[in-house]
Amino acid sequence: IKVVIIGQDPYHKKDQANGLAFSVPKGVKIPPSLRNIFKEINNDLNIKCPLHGDLSNWAKQGVLLLNSTLTVKEKKPNSHYNKGWEQFTDKIIKTISEERKGIIFLLWGKFAQKKEKLINLNTHHILKAPHPSPFSVNKGFFGCKHFSKTNKILISQEQDIINW
């Protein structure tokens, strides 16, 4: 793990979620938040937006795409919030923070930014921005340049960059 991106809960429409935060299987329409992530990557690194929303290639490069809640009822976002998943996923974040060094945490939105208290700020990097949803994307997610900043940090740590 080189980078951790924290989401809130899985997509709630049938066959959308694939176990990776913000990701959807190939062939599924790209959701608005992910479309905005791709737009920021394009603006930041001049990388063309992909035709699918499967982020498993990021995971293979060391990007942990972790939702705080790992299940959800169909068509009911946040329906499994406060049912116990947060204890498990908080422990994952805390364990990464305690056992690794130099991890880059991308905290998008207030929900993800609440997880900052689990991260050792002396040994890790935190980049914060508003959530990429259509409701907040123009309040600072667009233009945050987290993708180039992440790669610059990786280079400074003599690690391979992420091919976003």
N, C-alpha and C. Protein backbone atom coordinates (compact mmCIF):
# COMPACT_ATOMS: atom_id res chain seq x y z
N ILE A 1 0.85 -1.19 0.00
CA ILE A 1 0.00 0.00 0.00
C ILE A 1 0.89 1.24 0.00
N LYS A 2 0.61 2.13 -0.97
CA LYS A 2 1.32 3.40 -1.05
C LYS A 2 0.37 4.58 -0.83
N VAL A 3 -0.88 4.38 -1.24
CA VAL A 3 -1.88 5.44 -1.20
C VAL A 3 -3.17 4.85 -0.65
N VAL A 4 -3.88 5.62 0.17
CA VAL A 4 -5.19 5.20 0.67
C VAL A 4 -6.20 6.29 0.31
N ILE A 5 -7.26 5.88 -0.38
CA ILE A 5 -8.38 6.78 -0.67
C ILE A 5 -9.58 6.24 0.09
N ILE A 6 -10.17 7.09 0.93
CA ILE A 6 -11.27 6.65 1.79
C ILE A 6 -12.59 7.15 1.24
N GLY A 7 -13.50 6.21 1.01
CA GLY A 7 -14.86 6.54 0.60
C GLY A 7 -15.81 6.34 1.77
N GLN A 8 -17.08 6.61 1.54
CA GLN A 8 -18.07 6.52 2.61
C GLN A 8 -18.73 5.15 2.63
N ASP A 9 -19.45 4.81 1.58
CA ASP A 9 -20.08 3.49 1.49
C ASP A 9 -20.19 3.09 0.03
N PRO A 10 -20.45 1.82 -0.24
CA PRO A 10 -20.49 1.37 -1.65
C PRO A 10 -21.63 2.05 -2.42
N TYR A 11 -21.47 2.08 -3.73
CA TYR A 11 -22.58 2.53 -4.57
C TYR A 11 -23.79 1.66 -4.27
N HIS A 12 -24.97 2.25 -4.32
CA HIS A 12 -26.16 1.56 -3.84
C HIS A 12 -27.08 1.04 -4.94
N LYS A 13 -26.75 1.29 -6.19
CA LYS A 13 -27.58 0.73 -7.26
C LYS A 13 -27.11 -0.68 -7.61
N LYS A 14 -28.01 -1.49 -8.09
CA LYS A 14 -27.73 -2.90 -8.39
C LYS A 14 -26.54 -3.03 -9.35
N ASP A 15 -25.61 -3.90 -9.00
CA ASP A 15 -24.44 -4.25 -9.80
C ASP A 15 -23.44 -3.09 -9.99
N GLN A 16 -23.52 -2.05 -9.18
CA GLN A 16 -22.57 -0.94 -9.29
C GLN A 16 -21.29 -1.20 -8.51
N ALA A 17 -21.41 -1.60 -7.27
CA ALA A 17 -20.24 -1.73 -6.40
C ALA A 17 -19.40 -2.94 -6.80
N ASN A 18 -18.06 -2.78 -6.69
CA ASN A 18 -17.18 -3.91 -7.00
C ASN A 18 -16.13 -4.14 -5.91
N GLY A 19 -16.35 -3.57 -4.73
CA GLY A 19 -15.44 -3.80 -3.62
C GLY A 19 -14.36 -2.76 -3.47
N LEU A 20 -14.24 -1.84 -4.40
CA LEU A 20 -13.25 -0.77 -4.33
C LEU A 20 -13.98 0.57 -4.27
N ALA A 21 -13.64 1.40 -3.31
CA ALA A 21 -14.30 2.71 -3.20
C ALA A 21 -14.18 3.48 -4.51
N PHE A 22 -15.26 4.09 -4.91
CA PHE A 22 -15.40 4.93 -6.11
C PHE A 22 -15.39 4.13 -7.42
N SER A 23 -15.09 2.85 -7.39
CA SER A 23 -14.95 2.04 -8.60
C SER A 23 -16.25 1.32 -8.96
N VAL A 24 -16.45 1.10 -10.23
CA VAL A 24 -17.57 0.27 -10.73
C VAL A 24 -17.03 -0.71 -11.76
N PRO A 25 -17.69 -1.84 -11.94
CA PRO A 25 -17.23 -2.80 -12.95
C PRO A 25 -17.29 -2.23 -14.35
N LYS A 26 -16.45 -2.77 -15.22
CA LYS A 26 -16.51 -2.38 -16.63
C LYS A 26 -17.91 -2.68 -17.15
N GLY A 27 -18.41 -1.78 -17.98
CA GLY A 27 -19.75 -1.94 -18.54
C GLY A 27 -20.83 -1.23 -17.75
N VAL A 28 -20.51 -0.79 -16.54
CA VAL A 28 -21.46 -0.04 -15.72
C VAL A 28 -21.21 1.45 -15.95
N LYS A 29 -22.27 2.22 -16.08
CA LYS A 29 -22.15 3.66 -16.30
C LYS A 29 -21.32 4.29 -15.18
N ILE A 30 -20.41 5.17 -15.56
CA ILE A 30 -19.54 5.83 -14.59
C ILE A 30 -20.35 6.82 -13.75
N PRO A 31 -20.37 6.63 -12.42
CA PRO A 31 -21.12 7.54 -11.55
C PRO A 31 -20.53 8.95 -11.54
N PRO A 32 -21.33 9.94 -11.18
CA PRO A 32 -20.88 11.34 -11.22
C PRO A 32 -19.60 11.62 -10.42
N SER A 33 -19.47 11.09 -9.21
CA SER A 33 -18.26 11.35 -8.41
C SER A 33 -17.02 10.83 -9.12
N LEU A 34 -17.11 9.64 -9.67
CA LEU A 34 -15.97 9.06 -10.37
C LEU A 34 -15.68 9.83 -11.66
N ARG A 35 -16.72 10.27 -12.34
CA ARG A 35 -16.53 11.08 -13.54
C ARG A 35 -15.75 12.36 -13.18
N ASN A 36 -16.08 12.94 -12.01
CA ASN A 36 -15.37 14.15 -11.57
C ASN A 36 -13.93 13.85 -11.18
N ILE A 37 -13.68 12.67 -10.61
CA ILE A 37 -12.30 12.26 -10.31
C ILE A 37 -11.51 12.18 -11.62
N PHE A 38 -12.10 11.57 -12.63
CA PHE A 38 -11.42 11.46 -13.93
C PHE A 38 -11.18 12.83 -14.55
N LYS A 39 -12.13 13.76 -14.39
CA LYS A 39 -11.94 15.12 -14.92
C LYS A 39 -10.76 15.80 -14.23
N GLU A 40 -10.64 15.61 -12.91
CA GLU A 40 -9.52 16.22 -12.18
C GLU A 40 -8.21 15.60 -12.62
N ILE A 41 -8.19 14.29 -12.83
CA ILE A 41 -6.96 13.65 -13.32
C ILE A 41 -6.58 14.22 -14.68
N ASN A 42 -7.57 14.41 -15.54
CA ASN A 42 -7.32 14.98 -16.86
C ASN A 42 -6.76 16.40 -16.74
N ASN A 43 -7.37 17.21 -15.89
CA ASN A 43 -6.91 18.59 -15.71
C ASN A 43 -5.54 18.65 -15.04
N ASP A 44 -5.28 17.74 -14.13
CA ASP A 44 -4.04 17.73 -13.35
C ASP A 44 -2.87 17.15 -14.14
N LEU A 45 -3.10 16.02 -14.79
CA LEU A 45 -2.01 15.28 -15.42
C LEU A 45 -2.16 15.13 -16.93
N ASN A 46 -3.23 15.71 -17.48
CA ASN A 46 -3.50 15.61 -18.92
C ASN A 46 -3.64 14.15 -19.37
N ILE A 47 -4.24 13.34 -18.51
CA ILE A 47 -4.51 11.94 -18.85
C ILE A 47 -5.96 11.86 -19.31
N LYS A 48 -6.17 11.26 -20.45
CA LYS A 48 -7.51 11.13 -21.02
C LYS A 48 -8.41 10.32 -20.09
N CYS A 49 -9.66 10.74 -19.97
CA CYS A 49 -10.62 10.03 -19.14
C CYS A 49 -10.90 8.65 -19.73
N PRO A 50 -10.86 7.61 -18.90
CA PRO A 50 -11.12 6.26 -19.40
C PRO A 50 -12.59 6.07 -19.77
N LEU A 51 -12.85 5.01 -20.52
CA LEU A 51 -14.21 4.71 -20.96
C LEU A 51 -14.95 3.82 -19.97
N HIS A 52 -14.27 3.41 -18.90
CA HIS A 52 -14.90 2.56 -17.88
C HIS A 52 -14.49 3.08 -16.50
N GLY A 53 -15.18 2.61 -15.47
CA GLY A 53 -14.92 3.07 -14.12
C GLY A 53 -14.28 2.04 -13.21
N ASP A 54 -13.67 1.03 -13.78
CA ASP A 54 -13.02 -0.02 -12.98
C ASP A 54 -11.63 0.47 -12.55
N LEU A 55 -11.44 0.65 -11.24
CA LEU A 55 -10.19 1.17 -10.70
C LEU A 55 -9.27 0.07 -10.18
N SER A 56 -9.50 -1.16 -10.58
CA SER A 56 -8.66 -2.26 -10.06
C SER A 56 -7.20 -2.09 -10.46
N ASN A 57 -6.92 -1.40 -11.56
CA ASN A 57 -5.52 -1.14 -11.93
C ASN A 57 -4.83 -0.25 -10.89
N TRP A 58 -5.57 0.68 -10.31
CA TRP A 58 -5.00 1.49 -9.23
C TRP A 58 -4.65 0.60 -8.05
N ALA A 59 -5.56 -0.29 -7.70
CA ALA A 59 -5.34 -1.19 -6.55
C ALA A 59 -4.09 -2.04 -6.78
N LYS A 60 -3.90 -2.50 -7.99
CA LYS A 60 -2.73 -3.32 -8.31
C LYS A 60 -1.42 -2.54 -8.16
N GLN A 61 -1.50 -1.22 -8.22
CA GLN A 61 -0.32 -0.36 -8.08
C GLN A 61 -0.09 0.10 -6.64
N GLY A 62 -0.96 -0.32 -5.72
CA GLY A 62 -0.77 0.05 -4.32
C GLY A 62 -1.71 1.10 -3.79
N VAL A 63 -2.82 1.32 -4.47
CA VAL A 63 -3.83 2.27 -3.99
C VAL A 63 -4.94 1.48 -3.31
N LEU A 64 -5.10 1.67 -2.00
CA LEU A 64 -6.19 1.04 -1.27
C LEU A 64 -7.42 1.94 -1.38
N LEU A 65 -8.46 1.43 -1.99
CA LEU A 65 -9.71 2.18 -2.18
C LEU A 65 -10.71 1.63 -1.16
N LEU A 66 -10.75 2.24 0.01
CA LEU A 66 -11.45 1.70 1.17
C LEU A 66 -12.68 2.52 1.52
N ASN A 67 -13.84 1.89 1.49
CA ASN A 67 -15.04 2.53 2.01
C ASN A 67 -15.09 2.30 3.51
N SER A 68 -15.65 3.26 4.25
CA SER A 68 -15.79 3.12 5.70
C SER A 68 -16.85 2.10 6.07
N THR A 69 -17.88 2.03 5.28
CA THR A 69 -18.93 1.03 5.43
C THR A 69 -18.84 0.12 4.22
N LEU A 70 -18.86 -1.19 4.44
CA LEU A 70 -18.57 -2.11 3.33
C LEU A 70 -19.80 -2.73 2.69
N THR A 71 -20.98 -2.45 3.22
CA THR A 71 -22.21 -2.95 2.60
C THR A 71 -23.25 -1.83 2.63
N VAL A 72 -24.30 -2.03 1.85
CA VAL A 72 -25.37 -1.04 1.77
C VAL A 72 -26.60 -1.74 1.20
N LYS A 73 -27.79 -1.31 1.60
CA LYS A 73 -29.01 -1.84 0.98
C LYS A 73 -29.21 -1.19 -0.38
N GLU A 74 -29.72 -1.97 -1.31
CA GLU A 74 -29.95 -1.44 -2.65
C GLU A 74 -30.86 -0.21 -2.60
N LYS A 75 -30.43 0.82 -3.30
CA LYS A 75 -31.15 2.09 -3.44
C LYS A 75 -31.29 2.85 -2.12
N LYS A 76 -30.47 2.50 -1.11
CA LYS A 76 -30.53 3.19 0.18
C LYS A 76 -29.12 3.56 0.64
N PRO A 77 -28.59 4.67 0.11
CA PRO A 77 -27.24 5.07 0.51
C PRO A 77 -27.16 5.27 2.02
N ASN A 78 -26.00 4.91 2.55
CA ASN A 78 -25.72 5.08 3.98
C ASN A 78 -26.60 4.20 4.88
N SER A 79 -27.29 3.22 4.32
CA SER A 79 -28.22 2.41 5.10
C SER A 79 -27.53 1.50 6.11
N HIS A 80 -26.25 1.21 5.92
CA HIS A 80 -25.52 0.38 6.89
C HIS A 80 -24.51 1.19 7.70
N TYR A 81 -24.70 2.51 7.70
CA TYR A 81 -23.86 3.38 8.53
C TYR A 81 -24.16 3.11 10.00
N ASN A 82 -23.14 3.09 10.82
CA ASN A 82 -23.25 2.87 12.27
C ASN A 82 -23.78 1.47 12.62
N LYS A 83 -23.44 0.49 11.81
CA LYS A 83 -23.84 -0.89 12.09
C LYS A 83 -22.63 -1.74 12.46
N GLY A 84 -21.45 -1.12 12.58
CA GLY A 84 -20.26 -1.84 13.01
C GLY A 84 -19.11 -1.85 12.03
N TRP A 85 -19.39 -1.59 10.75
CA TRP A 85 -18.32 -1.61 9.75
C TRP A 85 -17.24 -0.58 10.07
N GLU A 86 -17.64 0.57 10.60
CA GLU A 86 -16.69 1.64 10.86
C GLU A 86 -15.60 1.21 11.85
N GLN A 87 -15.97 0.39 12.83
CA GLN A 87 -14.96 -0.11 13.78
C GLN A 87 -13.91 -0.93 13.05
N PHE A 88 -14.35 -1.75 12.13
CA PHE A 88 -13.44 -2.61 11.36
C PHE A 88 -12.55 -1.77 10.43
N THR A 89 -13.16 -0.88 9.66
CA THR A 89 -12.38 -0.10 8.70
C THR A 89 -11.50 0.94 9.40
N ASP A 90 -11.94 1.47 10.53
CA ASP A 90 -11.08 2.37 11.31
C ASP A 90 -9.84 1.61 11.79
N LYS A 91 -10.02 0.36 12.18
CA LYS A 91 -8.88 -0.45 12.62
C LYS A 91 -7.91 -0.68 11.47
N ILE A 92 -8.42 -0.86 10.26
CA ILE A 92 -7.55 -1.00 9.08
C ILE A 92 -6.71 0.26 8.90
N ILE A 93 -7.36 1.43 8.95
CA ILE A 93 -6.65 2.70 8.77
C ILE A 93 -5.60 2.87 9.86
N LYS A 94 -5.99 2.61 11.10
CA LYS A 94 -5.08 2.77 12.24
C LYS A 94 -3.89 1.81 12.14
N THR A 95 -4.15 0.58 11.72
CA THR A 95 -3.08 -0.41 11.57
C THR A 95 -2.10 0.02 10.48
N ILE A 96 -2.61 0.49 9.36
CA ILE A 96 -1.73 0.99 8.29
C ILE A 96 -0.89 2.13 8.83
N SER A 97 -1.51 3.04 9.56
CA SER A 97 -0.79 4.19 10.11
C SER A 97 0.31 3.75 11.09
N GLU A 98 0.03 2.76 11.90
CA GLU A 98 0.99 2.32 12.91
C GLU A 98 2.12 1.46 12.35
N GLU A 99 1.82 0.68 11.32
CA GLU A 99 2.79 -0.31 10.85
C GLU A 99 3.55 0.10 9.59
N ARG A 100 3.14 1.17 8.95
CA ARG A 100 3.79 1.61 7.72
C ARG A 100 4.29 3.03 7.89
N LYS A 101 5.07 3.48 6.94
CA LYS A 101 5.55 4.86 6.93
C LYS A 101 5.41 5.41 5.51
N GLY A 102 5.15 6.71 5.40
CA GLY A 102 5.12 7.36 4.11
C GLY A 102 3.89 7.11 3.26
N ILE A 103 2.82 6.61 3.87
CA ILE A 103 1.58 6.39 3.12
C ILE A 103 0.94 7.75 2.83
N ILE A 104 0.36 7.88 1.66
CA ILE A 104 -0.34 9.10 1.27
C ILE A 104 -1.84 8.83 1.40
N PHE A 105 -2.48 9.57 2.29
CA PHE A 105 -3.92 9.43 2.50
C PHE A 105 -4.63 10.57 1.80
N LEU A 106 -5.55 10.24 0.89
CA LEU A 106 -6.36 11.24 0.19
C LEU A 106 -7.72 11.27 0.89
N LEU A 107 -8.00 12.35 1.57
CA LEU A 107 -9.23 12.49 2.35
C LEU A 107 -10.12 13.51 1.65
N TRP A 108 -11.12 12.99 0.97
CA TRP A 108 -12.02 13.82 0.18
C TRP A 108 -13.36 13.93 0.88
N GLY A 109 -13.70 15.11 1.31
CA GLY A 109 -14.98 15.35 1.98
C GLY A 109 -14.86 15.23 3.48
N LYS A 110 -15.86 15.79 4.16
CA LYS A 110 -15.86 15.83 5.62
C LYS A 110 -15.85 14.44 6.24
N PHE A 111 -16.58 13.52 5.64
CA PHE A 111 -16.65 12.17 6.20
C PHE A 111 -15.26 11.53 6.25
N ALA A 112 -14.57 11.57 5.14
CA ALA A 112 -13.22 10.98 5.09
C ALA A 112 -12.25 11.75 5.98
N GLN A 113 -12.42 13.06 6.06
CA GLN A 113 -11.50 13.88 6.84
C GLN A 113 -11.63 13.62 8.34
N LYS A 114 -12.75 13.06 8.78
CA LYS A 114 -12.89 12.66 10.19
C LYS A 114 -11.93 11.52 10.54
N LYS A 115 -11.44 10.80 9.54
CA LYS A 115 -10.52 9.68 9.76
C LYS A 115 -9.09 10.17 10.03
N GLU A 116 -8.84 11.46 9.86
CA GLU A 116 -7.50 12.00 10.06
C GLU A 116 -6.97 11.68 11.46
N LYS A 117 -7.85 11.63 12.44
CA LYS A 117 -7.43 11.37 13.82
C LYS A 117 -6.83 9.97 14.00
N LEU A 118 -7.05 9.09 13.05
CA LEU A 118 -6.52 7.72 13.11
C LEU A 118 -5.12 7.61 12.50
N ILE A 119 -4.64 8.69 11.91
CA ILE A 119 -3.41 8.67 11.11
C ILE A 119 -2.31 9.45 11.83
N ASN A 120 -1.13 8.87 11.89
CA ASN A 120 0.02 9.55 12.49
C ASN A 120 0.53 10.58 11.48
N LEU A 121 0.34 11.84 11.81
CA LEU A 121 0.70 12.93 10.90
C LEU A 121 2.21 13.11 10.77
N ASN A 122 2.98 12.52 11.69
CA ASN A 122 4.44 12.65 11.65
C ASN A 122 5.09 11.67 10.68
N THR A 123 4.39 10.61 10.32
CA THR A 123 5.01 9.59 9.46
C THR A 123 4.27 9.38 8.14
N HIS A 124 3.18 10.10 7.94
CA HIS A 124 2.38 9.93 6.73
C HIS A 124 2.03 11.28 6.11
N HIS A 125 1.52 11.24 4.90
CA HIS A 125 1.12 12.44 4.17
C HIS A 125 -0.40 12.45 4.03
N ILE A 126 -1.01 13.57 4.29
CA ILE A 126 -2.46 13.70 4.14
C ILE A 126 -2.75 14.84 3.17
N LEU A 127 -3.54 14.52 2.15
CA LEU A 127 -4.03 15.53 1.21
C LEU A 127 -5.54 15.58 1.37
N LYS A 128 -6.07 16.78 1.63
CA LYS A 128 -7.50 16.94 1.86
C LYS A 128 -8.11 17.84 0.78
N ALA A 129 -9.34 17.50 0.43
CA ALA A 129 -10.11 18.30 -0.53
C ALA A 129 -11.59 18.00 -0.30
N PRO A 130 -12.47 18.85 -0.82
CA PRO A 130 -13.89 18.52 -0.79
C PRO A 130 -14.15 17.22 -1.55
N HIS A 131 -15.29 16.63 -1.30
CA HIS A 131 -15.68 15.38 -1.97
C HIS A 131 -15.89 15.65 -3.47
N PRO A 132 -15.61 14.66 -4.32
CA PRO A 132 -15.79 14.86 -5.76
C PRO A 132 -17.24 14.76 -6.25
N SER A 133 -18.21 14.72 -5.36
CA SER A 133 -19.60 14.64 -5.79
C SER A 133 -20.01 15.93 -6.49
N PRO A 134 -21.03 15.87 -7.32
CA PRO A 134 -21.50 17.08 -8.01
C PRO A 134 -21.87 18.21 -7.05
N PHE A 135 -22.21 17.89 -5.80
CA PHE A 135 -22.63 18.90 -4.84
C PHE A 135 -21.46 19.73 -4.32
N SER A 136 -20.25 19.17 -4.32
CA SER A 136 -19.12 19.89 -3.70
C SER A 136 -17.88 19.97 -4.57
N VAL A 137 -17.92 19.40 -5.75
CA VAL A 137 -16.72 19.32 -6.60
C VAL A 137 -16.13 20.68 -6.93
N ASN A 138 -16.98 21.69 -7.05
CA ASN A 138 -16.51 23.03 -7.41
C ASN A 138 -16.07 23.85 -6.21
N LYS A 139 -16.08 23.25 -5.03
CA LYS A 139 -15.67 23.95 -3.81
C LYS A 139 -14.22 23.63 -3.45
N GLY A 140 -13.47 23.08 -4.42
CA GLY A 140 -12.06 22.83 -4.17
C GLY A 140 -11.54 21.46 -4.58
N PHE A 141 -12.44 20.54 -4.97
CA PHE A 141 -11.91 19.27 -5.48
C PHE A 141 -11.28 19.52 -6.83
N PHE A 142 -12.04 20.20 -7.72
CA PHE A 142 -11.42 20.58 -8.99
C PHE A 142 -10.29 21.56 -8.69
N GLY A 143 -9.12 21.21 -9.16
CA GLY A 143 -7.96 22.06 -8.93
C GLY A 143 -7.10 21.64 -7.75
N CYS A 144 -7.50 20.60 -7.02
CA CYS A 144 -6.71 20.18 -5.85
C CYS A 144 -5.38 19.53 -6.24
N LYS A 145 -5.31 19.00 -7.45
CA LYS A 145 -4.08 18.40 -7.99
C LYS A 145 -3.52 17.27 -7.12
N HIS A 146 -4.41 16.52 -6.48
CA HIS A 146 -3.96 15.43 -5.61
C HIS A 146 -3.22 14.33 -6.35
N PHE A 147 -3.47 14.17 -7.63
CA PHE A 147 -2.85 13.07 -8.37
C PHE A 147 -1.40 13.39 -8.70
N SER A 148 -1.12 14.61 -9.12
CA SER A 148 0.28 15.00 -9.35
C SER A 148 1.01 15.14 -8.02
N LYS A 149 0.36 15.67 -7.00
CA LYS A 149 0.98 15.80 -5.68
C LYS A 149 1.35 14.42 -5.12
N THR A 150 0.45 13.47 -5.28
CA THR A 150 0.72 12.10 -4.82
C THR A 150 1.96 11.55 -5.52
N ASN A 151 2.02 11.71 -6.83
CA ASN A 151 3.17 11.18 -7.57
C ASN A 151 4.47 11.89 -7.19
N LYS A 152 4.40 13.20 -6.91
CA LYS A 152 5.61 13.92 -6.46
C LYS A 152 6.09 13.38 -5.12
N ILE A 153 5.17 13.09 -4.22
CA ILE A 153 5.56 12.53 -2.92
C ILE A 153 6.17 11.15 -3.12
N LEU A 154 5.56 10.34 -3.98
CA LEU A 154 6.11 9.00 -4.25
C LEU A 154 7.52 9.09 -4.81
N ILE A 155 7.75 10.01 -5.73
CA ILE A 155 9.09 10.21 -6.30
C ILE A 155 10.07 10.60 -5.19
N SER A 156 9.65 11.50 -4.30
CA SER A 156 10.53 11.94 -3.21
C SER A 156 10.86 10.79 -2.26
N GLN A 157 10.01 9.78 -2.23
CA GLN A 157 10.23 8.60 -1.39
C GLN A 157 10.88 7.46 -2.18
N GLU A 158 11.30 7.78 -3.42
CA GLU A 158 11.94 6.80 -4.31
C GLU A 158 11.05 5.58 -4.56
N GLN A 159 9.77 5.86 -4.80
CA GLN A 159 8.81 4.81 -5.13
C GLN A 159 8.27 5.06 -6.54
N ASP A 160 7.74 4.01 -7.15
CA ASP A 160 7.11 4.16 -8.45
C ASP A 160 5.86 5.01 -8.32
N ILE A 161 5.62 5.85 -9.32
CA ILE A 161 4.42 6.68 -9.33
C ILE A 161 3.21 5.80 -9.67
N ILE A 162 2.03 6.35 -9.43
CA ILE A 162 0.77 5.69 -9.78
C ILE A 162 0.42 6.11 -11.20
N ASN A 163 0.10 5.14 -12.03
CA ASN A 163 -0.40 5.41 -13.37
C ASN A 163 -1.91 5.59 -13.25
N TRP A 164 -2.32 6.82 -13.03
CA TRP A 164 -3.73 7.10 -12.82
C TRP A 164 -4.48 6.92 -14.12
